Amino acid sequence: MNEATSPPPSDTESLLLDLEAQRCDAMKRADFARLREILHPGLTHVHAKGQIDDCESYFRTGGTHVDYKQIDRSELKVQVLGSTALMTGRQLLVAVRKDGSGTVRIDSRVMQVWRREGDRWRQLAFQTTPLEMSVT
């Protein structure tokens, strides 16, 4: 196999990629009930400016003060390590602040940790490192 050819994703990798697409969709639709199903109660979420939320504070602050207009994921790679998986890739996020203070655009690299409990996978950790960030 040459470097340009990648093996097809495993069933678990495909499931996790689908869950990530569902997470992004739920954010854009402000479907907080679906997000609560996807995010682990023990969540650690590190934002682009370095602030940290646990699951409850994420829903009180970080996840609810903007209207997400665009969340594009690319270059996603998944490494399944037993009941844990590491997902890395790019994320382009565009969101309008509900307080009227502008539109945020963040192009970043993201690392996520997913955890399986029984037959259910949930996102346990999220860390974003901005490559470019602007507010207009």
N, C-alpha and C. Protein backbone atom coordinates (compact mmCIF):
# COMPACT_ATOMS: atom_id res chain seq x y z
N MET A 1 0.86 -1.17 0.00
CA MET A 1 0.00 0.00 0.00
C MET A 1 0.90 1.23 0.00
N ASN A 2 0.63 2.18 -0.88
CA ASN A 2 1.43 3.39 -0.89
C ASN A 2 0.85 4.43 0.08
N GLU A 3 1.60 5.53 0.31
CA GLU A 3 1.19 6.53 1.29
C GLU A 3 -0.09 7.25 0.91
N ALA A 4 -0.43 7.32 -0.35
CA ALA A 4 -1.63 8.02 -0.79
C ALA A 4 -2.89 7.20 -0.54
N THR A 5 -2.75 5.92 -0.28
CA THR A 5 -3.89 5.05 -0.08
C THR A 5 -4.08 4.80 1.41
N SER A 6 -5.28 5.06 1.89
CA SER A 6 -5.59 4.80 3.29
C SER A 6 -6.54 3.62 3.36
N PRO A 7 -6.40 2.80 4.40
CA PRO A 7 -7.34 1.70 4.55
C PRO A 7 -8.73 2.25 4.88
N PRO A 8 -9.78 1.52 4.54
CA PRO A 8 -11.12 2.00 4.86
C PRO A 8 -11.29 2.07 6.38
N PRO A 9 -12.12 3.02 6.86
CA PRO A 9 -12.30 3.13 8.30
C PRO A 9 -13.00 1.89 8.86
N SER A 10 -12.66 1.56 10.11
CA SER A 10 -13.33 0.44 10.77
C SER A 10 -14.75 0.88 11.13
N ASP A 11 -15.57 -0.08 11.56
CA ASP A 11 -16.93 0.25 11.98
C ASP A 11 -16.92 1.27 13.11
N THR A 12 -16.02 1.10 14.06
CA THR A 12 -15.94 2.04 15.19
C THR A 12 -15.50 3.42 14.71
N GLU A 13 -14.51 3.47 13.84
CA GLU A 13 -14.08 4.77 13.31
C GLU A 13 -15.23 5.45 12.58
N SER A 14 -15.96 4.71 11.78
CA SER A 14 -17.10 5.27 11.05
C SER A 14 -18.17 5.78 12.02
N LEU A 15 -18.43 5.02 13.07
CA LEU A 15 -19.40 5.43 14.07
C LEU A 15 -18.97 6.73 14.74
N LEU A 16 -17.70 6.84 15.11
CA LEU A 16 -17.20 8.05 15.76
C LEU A 16 -17.24 9.25 14.82
N LEU A 17 -16.90 9.05 13.57
CA LEU A 17 -16.99 10.14 12.60
C LEU A 17 -18.44 10.61 12.44
N ASP A 18 -19.37 9.67 12.46
CA ASP A 18 -20.78 10.02 12.39
C ASP A 18 -21.23 10.77 13.64
N LEU A 19 -20.78 10.32 14.81
CA LEU A 19 -21.11 11.03 16.05
C LEU A 19 -20.56 12.46 16.04
N GLU A 20 -19.37 12.64 15.49
CA GLU A 20 -18.80 13.98 15.40
C GLU A 20 -19.64 14.85 14.46
N ALA A 21 -20.09 14.30 13.36
CA ALA A 21 -20.97 15.05 12.46
C ALA A 21 -22.28 15.40 13.17
N GLN A 22 -22.80 14.48 13.97
CA GLN A 22 -24.02 14.76 14.74
C GLN A 22 -23.79 15.84 15.79
N ARG A 23 -22.61 15.84 16.42
CA ARG A 23 -22.27 16.87 17.41
C ARG A 23 -22.26 18.24 16.75
N CYS A 24 -21.60 18.35 15.60
CA CYS A 24 -21.54 19.63 14.89
C CYS A 24 -22.93 20.08 14.46
N ASP A 25 -23.74 19.16 13.97
CA ASP A 25 -25.10 19.49 13.55
C ASP A 25 -25.94 19.95 14.75
N ALA A 26 -25.82 19.26 15.88
CA ALA A 26 -26.57 19.65 17.07
C ALA A 26 -26.16 21.04 17.54
N MET A 27 -24.88 21.37 17.43
CA MET A 27 -24.43 22.71 17.81
C MET A 27 -25.07 23.76 16.90
N LYS A 28 -25.08 23.52 15.60
CA LYS A 28 -25.65 24.49 14.65
C LYS A 28 -27.16 24.65 14.86
N ARG A 29 -27.83 23.58 15.25
CA ARG A 29 -29.28 23.63 15.47
C ARG A 29 -29.65 24.03 16.90
N ALA A 30 -28.63 24.25 17.75
CA ALA A 30 -28.85 24.54 19.17
C ALA A 30 -29.69 23.44 19.82
N ASP A 31 -29.41 22.20 19.44
CA ASP A 31 -30.10 21.03 19.98
C ASP A 31 -29.32 20.55 21.21
N PHE A 32 -29.55 21.23 22.34
CA PHE A 32 -28.79 20.93 23.53
C PHE A 32 -29.13 19.56 24.12
N ALA A 33 -30.34 19.08 23.88
CA ALA A 33 -30.70 17.74 24.33
C ALA A 33 -29.83 16.70 23.62
N ARG A 34 -29.66 16.84 22.32
CA ARG A 34 -28.81 15.90 21.57
C ARG A 34 -27.36 16.04 21.99
N LEU A 35 -26.89 17.27 22.20
CA LEU A 35 -25.52 17.46 22.67
C LEU A 35 -25.28 16.76 24.01
N ARG A 36 -26.26 16.84 24.91
CA ARG A 36 -26.12 16.16 26.21
C ARG A 36 -25.99 14.64 26.05
N GLU A 37 -26.60 14.11 25.00
CA GLU A 37 -26.48 12.67 24.73
C GLU A 37 -25.08 12.33 24.20
N ILE A 38 -24.48 13.24 23.44
CA ILE A 38 -23.19 12.99 22.80
C ILE A 38 -22.02 13.28 23.75
N LEU A 39 -22.16 14.32 24.56
CA LEU A 39 -21.08 14.72 25.46
C LEU A 39 -21.14 13.93 26.75
N HIS A 40 -19.99 13.47 27.21
CA HIS A 40 -19.88 12.69 28.43
C HIS A 40 -20.10 13.60 29.64
N PRO A 41 -20.78 13.12 30.69
CA PRO A 41 -20.98 13.95 31.89
C PRO A 41 -19.66 14.41 32.53
N GLY A 42 -18.58 13.68 32.29
CA GLY A 42 -17.27 14.05 32.82
C GLY A 42 -16.46 14.91 31.86
N LEU A 43 -17.12 15.55 30.90
CA LEU A 43 -16.47 16.33 29.85
C LEU A 43 -15.49 17.37 30.40
N THR A 44 -14.34 17.49 29.73
CA THR A 44 -13.43 18.62 29.87
C THR A 44 -13.34 19.25 28.49
N HIS A 45 -13.74 20.53 28.38
CA HIS A 45 -13.76 21.23 27.10
C HIS A 45 -12.85 22.45 27.21
N VAL A 46 -11.75 22.46 26.44
CA VAL A 46 -10.82 23.57 26.45
C VAL A 46 -11.06 24.40 25.19
N HIS A 47 -11.47 25.66 25.41
CA HIS A 47 -11.81 26.57 24.32
C HIS A 47 -10.56 27.18 23.69
N ALA A 48 -10.77 27.89 22.58
CA ALA A 48 -9.67 28.48 21.81
C ALA A 48 -8.87 29.51 22.60
N LYS A 49 -9.50 30.20 23.55
CA LYS A 49 -8.80 31.19 24.35
C LYS A 49 -8.27 30.60 25.66
N GLY A 50 -8.43 29.29 25.84
CA GLY A 50 -7.87 28.61 27.00
C GLY A 50 -8.81 28.41 28.16
N GLN A 51 -10.01 28.98 28.12
CA GLN A 51 -10.93 28.74 29.22
C GLN A 51 -11.41 27.29 29.19
N ILE A 52 -11.71 26.75 30.36
CA ILE A 52 -12.07 25.35 30.50
C ILE A 52 -13.49 25.24 31.04
N ASP A 53 -14.27 24.37 30.41
CA ASP A 53 -15.61 24.06 30.90
C ASP A 53 -15.70 22.58 31.22
N ASP A 54 -16.47 22.25 32.28
CA ASP A 54 -16.90 20.88 32.46
C ASP A 54 -18.26 20.78 31.75
N CYS A 55 -18.91 19.66 31.86
CA CYS A 55 -20.14 19.47 31.10
C CYS A 55 -21.20 20.50 31.48
N GLU A 56 -21.43 20.70 32.75
CA GLU A 56 -22.48 21.63 33.17
C GLU A 56 -22.15 23.07 32.83
N SER A 57 -20.91 23.50 33.05
CA SER A 57 -20.57 24.89 32.74
C SER A 57 -20.56 25.12 31.22
N TYR A 58 -20.27 24.08 30.45
CA TYR A 58 -20.34 24.20 28.99
C TYR A 58 -21.75 24.62 28.56
N PHE A 59 -22.75 24.01 29.16
CA PHE A 59 -24.13 24.34 28.78
C PHE A 59 -24.60 25.66 29.38
N ARG A 60 -23.99 26.11 30.46
CA ARG A 60 -24.34 27.41 31.04
C ARG A 60 -23.66 28.56 30.31
N THR A 61 -22.47 28.33 29.77
CA THR A 61 -21.68 29.43 29.23
C THR A 61 -21.22 29.16 27.81
N GLY A 62 -20.14 28.41 27.65
CA GLY A 62 -19.45 28.25 26.38
C GLY A 62 -20.30 27.79 25.23
N GLY A 63 -21.20 26.87 25.46
CA GLY A 63 -21.94 26.29 24.35
C GLY A 63 -23.22 27.01 23.99
N THR A 64 -23.60 28.03 24.77
CA THR A 64 -24.93 28.60 24.57
C THR A 64 -24.94 30.09 24.25
N HIS A 65 -23.80 30.75 24.24
CA HIS A 65 -23.77 32.20 24.05
C HIS A 65 -23.54 32.63 22.61
N VAL A 66 -23.55 31.70 21.69
CA VAL A 66 -23.37 32.02 20.28
C VAL A 66 -24.35 31.21 19.43
N ASP A 67 -24.60 31.73 18.24
CA ASP A 67 -25.35 30.98 17.22
C ASP A 67 -24.31 30.47 16.23
N TYR A 68 -24.15 29.16 16.17
CA TYR A 68 -23.17 28.56 15.27
C TYR A 68 -23.71 28.59 13.85
N LYS A 69 -22.96 29.21 12.96
CA LYS A 69 -23.36 29.31 11.56
C LYS A 69 -22.64 28.28 10.70
N GLN A 70 -21.44 27.92 11.08
CA GLN A 70 -20.63 26.99 10.28
C GLN A 70 -19.70 26.23 11.21
N ILE A 71 -19.65 24.93 11.04
CA ILE A 71 -18.67 24.08 11.72
C ILE A 71 -18.24 23.04 10.70
N ASP A 72 -17.08 23.26 10.12
CA ASP A 72 -16.56 22.34 9.10
C ASP A 72 -15.39 21.58 9.70
N ARG A 73 -15.45 20.27 9.64
CA ARG A 73 -14.37 19.42 10.10
C ARG A 73 -13.64 18.84 8.88
N SER A 74 -12.32 18.71 8.98
CA SER A 74 -11.53 18.13 7.90
C SER A 74 -10.31 17.45 8.50
N GLU A 75 -9.65 16.67 7.67
CA GLU A 75 -8.43 15.96 8.06
C GLU A 75 -8.63 15.11 9.33
N LEU A 76 -9.84 14.59 9.50
CA LEU A 76 -10.12 13.82 10.72
C LEU A 76 -9.43 12.46 10.69
N LYS A 77 -8.77 12.17 11.79
CA LYS A 77 -8.13 10.87 11.99
C LYS A 77 -8.60 10.33 13.32
N VAL A 78 -8.89 9.03 13.35
CA VAL A 78 -9.38 8.38 14.56
C VAL A 78 -8.46 7.22 14.89
N GLN A 79 -8.03 7.17 16.15
CA GLN A 79 -7.26 6.04 16.66
C GLN A 79 -8.08 5.40 17.78
N VAL A 80 -8.54 4.18 17.56
CA VAL A 80 -9.31 3.48 18.58
C VAL A 80 -8.35 2.70 19.45
N LEU A 81 -8.45 2.94 20.76
CA LEU A 81 -7.55 2.33 21.74
C LEU A 81 -8.40 1.64 22.80
N GLY A 82 -9.00 0.52 22.43
CA GLY A 82 -9.89 -0.19 23.36
C GLY A 82 -11.18 0.57 23.53
N SER A 83 -11.49 0.97 24.78
CA SER A 83 -12.74 1.68 25.06
C SER A 83 -12.56 3.20 24.99
N THR A 84 -11.43 3.63 24.48
CA THR A 84 -11.13 5.05 24.30
C THR A 84 -10.71 5.27 22.85
N ALA A 85 -10.99 6.45 22.33
CA ALA A 85 -10.55 6.79 20.98
C ALA A 85 -10.07 8.23 20.97
N LEU A 86 -9.04 8.47 20.18
CA LEU A 86 -8.49 9.80 19.99
C LEU A 86 -8.86 10.25 18.58
N MET A 87 -9.46 11.44 18.47
CA MET A 87 -9.81 12.01 17.18
C MET A 87 -9.06 13.34 17.04
N THR A 88 -8.38 13.51 15.91
CA THR A 88 -7.69 14.77 15.64
C THR A 88 -8.10 15.28 14.27
N GLY A 89 -7.96 16.57 14.07
CA GLY A 89 -8.28 17.14 12.77
C GLY A 89 -8.43 18.64 12.85
N ARG A 90 -8.86 19.20 11.74
CA ARG A 90 -9.08 20.65 11.63
C ARG A 90 -10.55 20.95 11.90
N GLN A 91 -10.79 22.18 12.33
CA GLN A 91 -12.15 22.67 12.50
C GLN A 91 -12.19 24.14 12.11
N LEU A 92 -13.13 24.48 11.25
CA LEU A 92 -13.42 25.88 10.93
C LEU A 92 -14.78 26.18 11.53
N LEU A 93 -14.81 27.13 12.46
CA LEU A 93 -16.03 27.46 13.17
C LEU A 93 -16.33 28.94 12.96
N VAL A 94 -17.58 29.24 12.61
CA VAL A 94 -18.06 30.61 12.50
C VAL A 94 -19.32 30.70 13.35
N ALA A 95 -19.32 31.67 14.28
CA ALA A 95 -20.44 31.82 15.19
C ALA A 95 -20.71 33.29 15.46
N VAL A 96 -21.99 33.63 15.59
CA VAL A 96 -22.41 34.99 15.90
C VAL A 96 -22.71 35.05 17.39
N ARG A 97 -22.07 35.99 18.07
CA ARG A 97 -22.30 36.17 19.51
C ARG A 97 -23.71 36.71 19.74
N LYS A 98 -24.43 36.08 20.65
CA LYS A 98 -25.82 36.48 20.92
C LYS A 98 -25.91 37.86 21.56
N ASP A 99 -24.83 38.33 22.17
CA ASP A 99 -24.86 39.67 22.79
C ASP A 99 -24.61 40.78 21.77
N GLY A 100 -24.46 40.42 20.49
CA GLY A 100 -24.28 41.41 19.44
C GLY A 100 -22.87 41.93 19.29
N SER A 101 -21.91 41.31 19.97
CA SER A 101 -20.54 41.83 19.95
C SER A 101 -19.69 41.29 18.80
N GLY A 102 -20.30 40.65 17.83
CA GLY A 102 -19.55 40.28 16.66
C GLY A 102 -19.70 38.84 16.23
N THR A 103 -19.03 38.54 15.12
CA THR A 103 -18.96 37.20 14.56
C THR A 103 -17.56 36.67 14.77
N VAL A 104 -17.49 35.49 15.34
CA VAL A 104 -16.21 34.85 15.64
C VAL A 104 -15.91 33.83 14.55
N ARG A 105 -14.69 33.85 14.06
CA ARG A 105 -14.22 32.87 13.09
C ARG A 105 -12.94 32.26 13.64
N ILE A 106 -12.94 30.93 13.81
CA ILE A 106 -11.78 30.24 14.37
C ILE A 106 -11.43 29.07 13.47
N ASP A 107 -10.23 29.10 12.93
CA ASP A 107 -9.66 27.97 12.18
C ASP A 107 -8.66 27.32 13.14
N SER A 108 -8.89 26.07 13.47
CA SER A 108 -8.08 25.46 14.51
C SER A 108 -7.79 23.99 14.25
N ARG A 109 -6.86 23.50 15.03
CA ARG A 109 -6.63 22.06 15.14
C ARG A 109 -7.33 21.62 16.41
N VAL A 110 -7.95 20.46 16.35
CA VAL A 110 -8.74 19.96 17.47
C VAL A 110 -8.31 18.55 17.83
N MET A 111 -8.29 18.29 19.14
CA MET A 111 -8.06 16.93 19.63
C MET A 111 -9.24 16.59 20.55
N GLN A 112 -9.83 15.43 20.31
CA GLN A 112 -10.96 14.98 21.10
C GLN A 112 -10.68 13.57 21.62
N VAL A 113 -11.20 13.30 22.80
CA VAL A 113 -11.15 11.96 23.37
C VAL A 113 -12.59 11.47 23.49
N TRP A 114 -12.83 10.30 22.96
CA TRP A 114 -14.14 9.65 23.04
C TRP A 114 -14.00 8.43 23.93
N ARG A 115 -15.03 8.13 24.69
CA ARG A 115 -15.00 6.98 25.60
C ARG A 115 -16.24 6.13 25.38
N ARG A 116 -16.01 4.81 25.33
CA ARG A 116 -17.12 3.87 25.19
C ARG A 116 -17.48 3.33 26.57
N GLU A 117 -18.75 3.40 26.87
CA GLU A 117 -19.29 2.78 28.08
C GLU A 117 -20.43 1.89 27.63
N GLY A 118 -20.24 0.58 27.77
CA GLY A 118 -21.20 -0.36 27.19
C GLY A 118 -21.09 -0.30 25.68
N ASP A 119 -22.19 -0.04 25.01
CA ASP A 119 -22.16 0.07 23.54
C ASP A 119 -22.30 1.53 23.08
N ARG A 120 -22.09 2.48 24.00
CA ARG A 120 -22.31 3.89 23.70
C ARG A 120 -21.00 4.68 23.79
N TRP A 121 -20.70 5.44 22.73
CA TRP A 121 -19.54 6.31 22.70
C TRP A 121 -19.98 7.74 23.00
N ARG A 122 -19.18 8.44 23.85
CA ARG A 122 -19.45 9.85 24.15
C ARG A 122 -18.13 10.62 24.19
N GLN A 123 -18.21 11.90 23.86
CA GLN A 123 -17.01 12.73 23.86
C GLN A 123 -16.66 13.12 25.30
N LEU A 124 -15.46 12.73 25.72
CA LEU A 124 -14.99 12.97 27.08
C LEU A 124 -14.14 14.23 27.18
N ALA A 125 -13.40 14.56 26.12
CA ALA A 125 -12.52 15.73 26.16
C ALA A 125 -12.44 16.37 24.79
N PHE A 126 -12.24 17.70 24.81
CA PHE A 126 -12.14 18.49 23.59
C PHE A 126 -11.12 19.58 23.84
N GLN A 127 -10.16 19.74 22.93
CA GLN A 127 -9.13 20.79 23.04
C GLN A 127 -8.96 21.39 21.66
N THR A 128 -9.13 22.70 21.57
CA THR A 128 -8.94 23.39 20.29
C THR A 128 -7.75 24.33 20.39
N THR A 129 -6.92 24.31 19.37
CA THR A 129 -5.76 25.20 19.28
C THR A 129 -5.92 26.04 18.01
N PRO A 130 -6.18 27.35 18.17
CA PRO A 130 -6.43 28.16 16.99
C PRO A 130 -5.19 28.38 16.14
N LEU A 131 -5.38 28.30 14.84
CA LEU A 131 -4.35 28.67 13.87
C LEU A 131 -4.60 30.12 13.45
N GLU A 132 -5.87 30.48 13.30
CA GLU A 132 -6.30 31.84 13.00
C GLU A 132 -7.61 32.08 13.71
N MET A 133 -7.74 33.29 14.29
CA MET A 133 -8.97 33.62 14.99
C MET A 133 -9.25 35.11 14.78
N SER A 134 -10.52 35.43 14.50
CA SER A 134 -10.90 36.83 14.33
C SER A 134 -12.32 37.05 14.84
N VAL A 135 -12.58 38.31 15.20
CA VAL A 135 -13.93 38.74 15.58
C VAL A 135 -14.22 39.98 14.73
N THR A 136 -15.33 39.92 14.00
CA THR A 136 -15.70 41.06 13.15
C THR A 136 -17.07 41.58 13.54
